[in-house]
C-alpha atoms as a PDB file:
ATOM      1  CA  MET A   1     193.795  99.361 296.170  1.00  0.00           C
ATOM      2  CA  ALA A   2     196.918  98.052 294.358  1.00  0.00           C
ATOM      3  CA  VAL A   3     197.735  99.550 291.132  1.00  0.00           C
ATOM      4  CA  PRO A   4     197.892  96.747 288.360  1.00  0.00           C
ATOM      5  CA  ALA A   5     201.340  95.699 286.752  1.00  0.00           C
ATOM      6  CA  ASN A   6     202.343  97.224 283.294  1.00  0.00           C
ATOM      7  CA  GLN A   7     201.849  95.471 280.160  1.00  0.00           C
ATOM      8  CA  SER A   8     204.525  95.773 277.414  1.00  0.00           C
ATOM      9  CA  ARG A   9     204.722  93.629 274.174  1.00  0.00           C
ATOM     10  CA  GLY A  10     202.145  91.321 275.555  1.00  0.00           C
ATOM     11  CA  ILE A  11     204.145  90.676 278.846  1.00  0.00           C
ATOM     12  CA  LYS A  12     202.684  91.876 282.116  1.00  0.00           C
ATOM     13  CA  ARG A  13     205.785  93.576 283.711  1.00  0.00           C
ATOM     14  CA  TYR A  14     206.717  95.048 286.906  1.00  0.00           C
ATOM     15  CA  THR A  15     206.393  98.875 287.197  1.00  0.00           C
ATOM     16  CA  GLY A  16     209.513 100.834 286.208  1.00  0.00           C
ATOM     17  CA  VAL A  17     210.014 102.022 289.818  1.00  0.00           C
ATOM     18  CA  ALA A  18     209.800  98.420 290.953  1.00  0.00           C
ATOM     19  CA  ILE A  19     212.407  97.246 288.518  1.00  0.00           C
ATOM     20  CA  ILE A  20     214.753 100.175 289.323  1.00  0.00           C
ATOM     21  CA  LEU A  21     214.524  99.333 293.068  1.00  0.00           C
ATOM     22  CA  HIS A  22     215.015  95.586 292.383  1.00  0.00           C
ATOM     23  CA  TRP A  23     218.206  96.120 290.695  1.00  0.00           C
ATOM     24  CA  LEU A  24     219.449  98.890 292.959  1.00  0.00           C
ATOM     25  CA  ILE A  25     218.823  96.563 295.967  1.00  0.00           C
ATOM     26  CA  ALA A  26     220.499  93.595 294.157  1.00  0.00           C
ATOM     27  CA  ALA A  27     223.574  95.509 293.307  1.00  0.00           C
ATOM     28  CA  GLY A  28     223.740  96.962 296.925  1.00  0.00           C
ATOM     29  CA  ILE A  29     223.347  93.605 298.605  1.00  0.00           C
ATOM     30  CA  LEU A  30     225.929  91.988 296.539  1.00  0.00           C
ATOM     31  CA  THR A  31     228.418  94.789 297.043  1.00  0.00           C
ATOM     32  CA  LEU A  32     227.723  94.673 300.851  1.00  0.00           C
ATOM     33  CA  ILE A  33     228.341  90.789 300.945  1.00  0.00           C
ATOM     34  CA  ILE A  34     231.605  91.135 299.005  1.00  0.00           C
ATOM     35  CA  MET A  35     232.680  93.873 301.266  1.00  0.00           C
ATOM     36  CA  GLY A  36     231.777  91.755 304.329  1.00  0.00           C
ATOM     37  CA  LEU A  37     233.857  88.815 302.866  1.00  0.00           C
ATOM     38  CA  VAL A  38     236.841  91.081 302.369  1.00  0.00           C
ATOM     39  CA  MET A  39     236.741  92.542 305.746  1.00  0.00           C
ATOM     40  CA  ASP A  40     236.422  89.117 307.379  1.00  0.00           C
ATOM     41  CA  HIS A  41     238.725  86.980 305.363  1.00  0.00           C
ATOM     42  CA  LEU A  42     241.563  89.431 304.043  1.00  0.00           C
ATOM     43  CA  SER A  43     244.433  90.701 305.945  1.00  0.00           C
ATOM     44  CA  LEU A  44     244.100  94.433 305.180  1.00  0.00           C
ATOM     45  CA  ASP A  45     245.757  97.658 306.771  1.00  0.00           C
ATOM     46  CA  PRO A  46     243.655  98.639 309.698  1.00  0.00           C
ATOM     47  CA  MET A  47     242.989 102.104 308.050  1.00  0.00           C
ATOM     48  CA  TRP A  48     241.475 100.167 305.021  1.00  0.00           C
ATOM     49  CA  VAL A  49     239.414  98.049 307.187  1.00  0.00           C
ATOM     50  CA  PHE A  50     237.999 101.136 308.941  1.00  0.00           C
ATOM     51  CA  GLN A  51     237.221 102.872 305.710  1.00  0.00           C
ATOM     52  CA  LEU A  52     235.627  99.692 304.205  1.00  0.00           C
ATOM     53  CA  TYR A  53     233.555  99.487 307.396  1.00  0.00           C
ATOM     54  CA  GLN A  54     232.314 103.010 307.277  1.00  0.00           C
ATOM     55  CA  LEU A  55     231.337 102.507 303.559  1.00  0.00           C
ATOM     56  CA  HIS A  56     229.688  99.288 304.454  1.00  0.00           C
ATOM     57  CA  LYS A  57     227.533 100.943 307.029  1.00  0.00           C
ATOM     58  CA  SER A  58     226.749 103.784 304.554  1.00  0.00           C
ATOM     59  CA  ILE A  59     225.692 101.362 301.817  1.00  0.00           C
ATOM     60  CA  GLY A  60     223.775  99.261 304.229  1.00  0.00           C
ATOM     61  CA  ILE A  61     221.622 102.224 305.569  1.00  0.00           C
ATOM     62  CA  THR A  62     220.965 103.208 302.043  1.00  0.00           C
ATOM     63  CA  VAL A  63     219.803  99.646 300.970  1.00  0.00           C
ATOM     64  CA  MET A  64     217.657  99.635 304.084  1.00  0.00           C
ATOM     65  CA  MET A  65     215.962 102.803 302.791  1.00  0.00           C
ATOM     66  CA  LEU A  66     215.435 101.306 299.331  1.00  0.00           C
ATOM     67  CA  ILE A  67     214.018  98.084 300.775  1.00  0.00           C
ATOM     68  CA  ALA A  68     211.497  99.979 302.796  1.00  0.00           C
ATOM     69  CA  LEU A  69     210.504 101.887 299.669  1.00  0.00           C
ATOM     70  CA  ARG A  70     210.299  98.605 297.753  1.00  0.00           C
ATOM     71  CA  ILE A  71     208.022  97.175 300.366  1.00  0.00           C
ATOM     72  CA  VAL A  72     205.641 100.177 300.207  1.00  0.00           C
ATOM     73  CA  TRP A  73     205.641 100.145 296.399  1.00  0.00           C
ATOM     74  CA  ARG A  74     204.990  96.487 296.436  1.00  0.00           C
ATOM     75  CA  LEU A  75     201.986  96.749 298.746  1.00  0.00           C
ATOM     76  CA  THR A  76     200.479  99.405 296.543  1.00  0.00           C
ATOM     77  CA  HIS A  77     201.398  98.085 293.151  1.00  0.00           C
ATOM     78  CA  ARG A  78     200.052  94.672 292.165  1.00  0.00           C
ATOM     79  CA  ALA A  79     202.888  92.499 290.965  1.00  0.00           C
ATOM     80  CA  PRO A  80     202.493  90.325 287.653  1.00  0.00           C
ATOM     81  CA  GLY A  81     201.017  86.971 288.348  1.00  0.00           C
ATOM     82  CA  LEU A  82     202.994  83.639 288.159  1.00  0.00           C
ATOM     83  CA  PRO A  83     202.669  81.627 284.937  1.00  0.00           C
ATOM     84  CA  ALA A  84     199.253  79.825 284.630  1.00  0.00           C
ATOM     85  CA  ASP A  85     200.780  76.430 284.266  1.00  0.00           C
ATOM     86  CA  MET A  86     202.935  76.675 287.238  1.00  0.00           C
ATOM     87  CA  LYS A  87     202.251  73.672 289.659  1.00  0.00           C
ATOM     88  CA  GLY A  88     200.893  74.383 293.204  1.00  0.00           C
ATOM     89  CA  PHE A  89     204.053  73.356 295.061  1.00  0.00           C
ATOM     90  CA  GLU A  90     206.080  75.629 292.647  1.00  0.00           C
ATOM     91  CA  ARG A  91     203.762  78.422 293.438  1.00  0.00           C
ATOM     92  CA  VAL A  92     203.986  77.902 297.255  1.00  0.00           C
ATOM     93  CA  ALA A  93     207.968  77.802 296.989  1.00  0.00           C
ATOM     94  CA  ALA A  94     208.045  80.759 294.856  1.00  0.00           C
ATOM     95  CA  HIS A  95     205.884  82.864 297.474  1.00  0.00           C
ATOM     96  CA  LEU A  96     207.962  81.489 300.572  1.00  0.00           C
ATOM     97  CA  THR A  97     211.254  82.416 298.597  1.00  0.00           C
ATOM     98  CA  HIS A  98     210.011  85.852 298.115  1.00  0.00           C
ATOM     99  CA  ALA A  99     208.773  86.380 301.557  1.00  0.00           C
ATOM    100  CA  ALA A 100     212.104  85.034 302.937  1.00  0.00           C
ATOM    101  CA  LEU A 101     214.099  87.539 300.576  1.00  0.00           C
ATOM    102  CA  TYR A 102     211.982  90.405 301.872  1.00  0.00           C
ATOM    103  CA  GLY A 103     212.557  89.160 305.461  1.00  0.00           C
ATOM    104  CA  LEU A 104     216.352  88.746 305.201  1.00  0.00           C
ATOM    105  CA  GLN A 105     216.702  91.831 303.278  1.00  0.00           C
ATOM    106  CA  THR A 106     215.019  93.671 306.114  1.00  0.00           C
ATOM    107  CA  LEU A 107     216.880  91.780 308.859  1.00  0.00           C
ATOM    108  CA  MET A 108     220.337  92.251 307.506  1.00  0.00           C
ATOM    109  CA  PRO A 109     220.606  95.998 307.712  1.00  0.00           C
ATOM    110  CA  LEU A 110     218.474  96.295 310.865  1.00  0.00           C
ATOM    111  CA  SER A 111     220.772  93.857 312.517  1.00  0.00           C
ATOM    112  CA  GLY A 112     223.957  95.699 311.165  1.00  0.00           C
ATOM    113  CA  TRP A 113     222.388  99.077 312.432  1.00  0.00           C
ATOM    114  CA  ALA A 114     221.718  97.273 315.895  1.00  0.00           C
ATOM    115  CA  MET A 115     225.319  95.888 316.063  1.00  0.00           C
ATOM    116  CA  VAL A 116     226.734  99.294 315.474  1.00  0.00           C
ATOM    117  CA  SER A 117     224.445 100.820 318.069  1.00  0.00           C
ATOM    118  CA  VAL A 118     225.523  98.356 320.681  1.00  0.00           C
ATOM    119  CA  SER A 119     229.235  98.414 319.829  1.00  0.00           C
ATOM    120  CA  VAL A 120     231.667  98.667 322.666  1.00  0.00           C
ATOM    121  CA  LEU A 121     233.828 100.773 320.421  1.00  0.00           C
ATOM    122  CA  GLY A 122     231.032 103.572 320.128  1.00  0.00           C
ATOM    123  CA  ILE A 123     232.274 104.586 316.597  1.00  0.00           C
ATOM    124  CA  PRO A 124     229.707 107.204 315.267  1.00  0.00           C
ATOM    125  CA  THR A 125     228.010 106.397 311.893  1.00  0.00           C
ATOM    126  CA  VAL A 126     228.471 109.150 309.299  1.00  0.00           C
ATOM    127  CA  LEU A 127     226.920 108.165 305.926  1.00  0.00           C
ATOM    128  CA  TYR A 128     229.479 108.612 303.246  1.00  0.00           C
ATOM    129  CA  GLY A 129     231.405 110.907 305.594  1.00  0.00           C
ATOM    130  CA  THR A 130     228.855 113.532 305.379  1.00  0.00           C
ATOM    131  CA  ILE A 131     225.468 112.721 307.262  1.00  0.00           C
ATOM    132  CA  PRO A 132     225.385 111.732 310.777  1.00  0.00           C
ATOM    133  CA  TRP A 133     223.320 108.658 311.404  1.00  0.00           C
ATOM    134  CA  PRO A 134     221.966 108.114 314.951  1.00  0.00           C
ATOM    135  CA  ASP A 135     222.196 104.712 316.780  1.00  0.00           C
ATOM    136  CA  LEU A 136     219.031 102.802 317.691  1.00  0.00           C
ATOM    137  CA  PRO A 137     217.354 103.930 320.779  1.00  0.00           C
ATOM    138  CA  VAL A 138     218.046 101.663 323.909  1.00  0.00           C
ATOM    139  CA  LEU A 139     220.841  99.591 322.411  1.00  0.00           C
ATOM    140  CA  SER A 140     223.248 102.578 322.683  1.00  0.00           C
ATOM    141  CA  THR A 141     222.639 102.867 326.373  1.00  0.00           C
ATOM    142  CA  LEU A 142     222.804  99.238 327.473  1.00  0.00           C
ATOM    143  CA  GLN A 143     224.824  98.444 330.574  1.00  0.00           C
ATOM    144  CA  ASP A 144     226.177  95.069 329.281  1.00  0.00           C
ATOM    145  CA  LYS A 145     226.753  95.472 325.672  1.00  0.00           C
ATOM    146  CA  PRO A 146     229.448  92.770 324.805  1.00  0.00           C
ATOM    147  CA  PRO A 147     226.885  89.829 324.795  1.00  0.00           C
ATOM    148  CA  VAL A 148     224.198  91.597 322.821  1.00  0.00           C
ATOM    149  CA  GLU A 149     227.001  92.679 320.428  1.00  0.00           C
ATOM    150  CA  ALA A 150     228.048  89.078 320.195  1.00  0.00           C
ATOM    151  CA  THR A 151     224.541  87.828 319.542  1.00  0.00           C
ATOM    152  CA  LEU A 152     224.023  90.288 316.727  1.00  0.00           C
ATOM    153  CA  LYS A 153     227.333  89.448 315.167  1.00  0.00           C
ATOM    154  CA  VAL A 154     226.303  85.879 314.768  1.00  0.00           C
ATOM    155  CA  VAL A 155     222.800  87.065 313.454  1.00  0.00           C
ATOM    156  CA  HIS A 156     224.339  89.272 310.816  1.00  0.00           C
ATOM    157  CA  HIS A 157     226.916  86.892 309.848  1.00  0.00           C
ATOM    158  CA  TRP A 158     224.663  83.886 309.152  1.00  0.00           C
ATOM    159  CA  GLY A 159     221.997  86.052 307.974  1.00  0.00           C
ATOM    160  CA  GLY A 160     224.381  87.197 305.278  1.00  0.00           C
ATOM    161  CA  TRP A 161     225.117  83.589 304.252  1.00  0.00           C
ATOM    162  CA  PHE A 162     221.483  82.604 304.258  1.00  0.00           C
ATOM    163  CA  LEU A 163     220.610  85.681 302.027  1.00  0.00           C
ATOM    164  CA  LEU A 164     223.409  84.782 299.656  1.00  0.00           C
ATOM    165  CA  ALA A 165     221.746  81.121 299.359  1.00  0.00           C
ATOM    166  CA  LEU A 166     218.413  82.612 298.832  1.00  0.00           C
ATOM    167  CA  ILE A 167     219.726  84.948 296.053  1.00  0.00           C
ATOM    168  CA  GLY A 168     221.443  81.914 294.581  1.00  0.00           C
ATOM    169  CA  LEU A 169     218.216  80.032 294.477  1.00  0.00           C
ATOM    170  CA  HIS A 170     216.291  83.083 293.165  1.00  0.00           C
ATOM    171  CA  VAL A 171     218.638  83.474 290.248  1.00  0.00           C
ATOM    172  CA  ALA A 172     218.668  79.817 289.328  1.00  0.00           C
ATOM    173  CA  ALA A 173     214.815  79.886 289.396  1.00  0.00           C
ATOM    174  CA  ALA A 174     214.765  82.873 287.116  1.00  0.00           C
ATOM    175  CA  LEU A 175     217.022  81.388 284.680  1.00  0.00           C
ATOM    176  CA  ARG A 176     215.154  78.046 284.737  1.00  0.00           C
ATOM    177  CA  HIS A 177     212.070  79.971 283.656  1.00  0.00           C
ATOM    178  CA  HIS A 178     213.911  81.915 280.996  1.00  0.00           C
ATOM    179  CA  PHE A 179     215.973  79.121 279.424  1.00  0.00           C
ATOM    180  CA  PHE A 180     214.108  76.021 280.181  1.00  0.00           C
ATOM    181  CA  LEU A 181     210.373  76.787 280.611  1.00  0.00           C
ATOM    182  CA  ASN A 182     210.634  79.708 278.002  1.00  0.00           C
ATOM    183  CA  ASP A 183     208.005  81.811 280.024  1.00  0.00           C
ATOM    184  CA  HIS A 184     208.066  85.565 280.756  1.00  0.00           C
ATOM    185  CA  VAL A 185     209.072  85.522 284.393  1.00  0.00           C
ATOM    186  CA  LEU A 186     212.553  87.008 284.053  1.00  0.00           C
ATOM    187  CA  ARG A 187     211.609  89.459 281.318  1.00  0.00           C
ATOM    188  CA  GLN A 188     208.984  90.916 283.842  1.00  0.00           C
ATOM    189  CA  MET A 189     211.709  92.343 285.891  1.00  0.00           C
ATOM    190  CA  LEU A 190     214.233  93.094 283.132  1.00  0.00           C
ATOM    191  CA  PRO A 191     214.401  96.789 281.795  1.00  0.00           C
ATOM    192  CA  ALA A 192     212.421  97.110 278.732  1.00  0.00           C
ATOM    193  CA  ILE A 193     214.810  98.030 275.841  1.00  0.00           C
ATOM    194  CA  GLY A 194     213.235  99.577 272.632  1.00  0.00           C
ATOM    195  CA  ARG A 195     209.808  99.532 274.150  1.00  0.00           C
ATOM    196  CA  LYS A 196     207.211 100.658 271.428  1.00  0.00           C
ATOM    197  CA  SER A 197     205.597 104.070 271.871  1.00  0.00           C
ATOM    198  CA  GLY A 198     202.208 102.522 271.975  1.00  0.00           C
ATOM    199  CA  SER A 199     203.092 100.592 275.168  1.00  0.00           C
ATOM    200  CA  ARG A 200     201.412 101.539 278.491  1.00  0.00           C
ATOM    201  CA  HIS A 201     203.728 103.086 280.993  1.00  0.00           C
ATOM    202  CA  GLY A 202     201.969 103.732 284.150  1.00  0.00           C
ATOM    203  CA  ASP A 203     205.233 103.787 286.114  1.00  0.00           C
END
């Protein structure tokens, strides 16, 4: 049974763990997107590209683990409900957007991991230069790797652009709720600053 959402200052909020995970994942994903654009579109010294690539893999695996934890937390802790006055199509759009965000957040690190596993270069993944990370089973032992690697590159590339577009839509919707509809949607996910001592935590 899912644990109910917190309530602070009359606002039903996400739990503290959910809020921390949300913002850590958001920061990680935006960092990865920026790094991907830099690696793809700027002419850098090959050694810099290699180091960025290794860091990109390390952050990507970290984000993948955070997303897995976020999904488990979401399944066991009830999220605050949408505003009562939201129209039916807006509710459907909100749920579909969230589902797509979870899907792409899962696809991106998995496709990146798969792409590294099937890479013809065979460069090992060492997280933050310290922790060896294995390739995915089967993919690392394929006989004909180039076409699989090329397909995964396309999936990872366009998945990144779709994820960026969804993030933009998600941010725009949150700002609309906050500044134009004047409801509590955005504040449900913002860290509570100066919370009263009588508030319920339950994080």
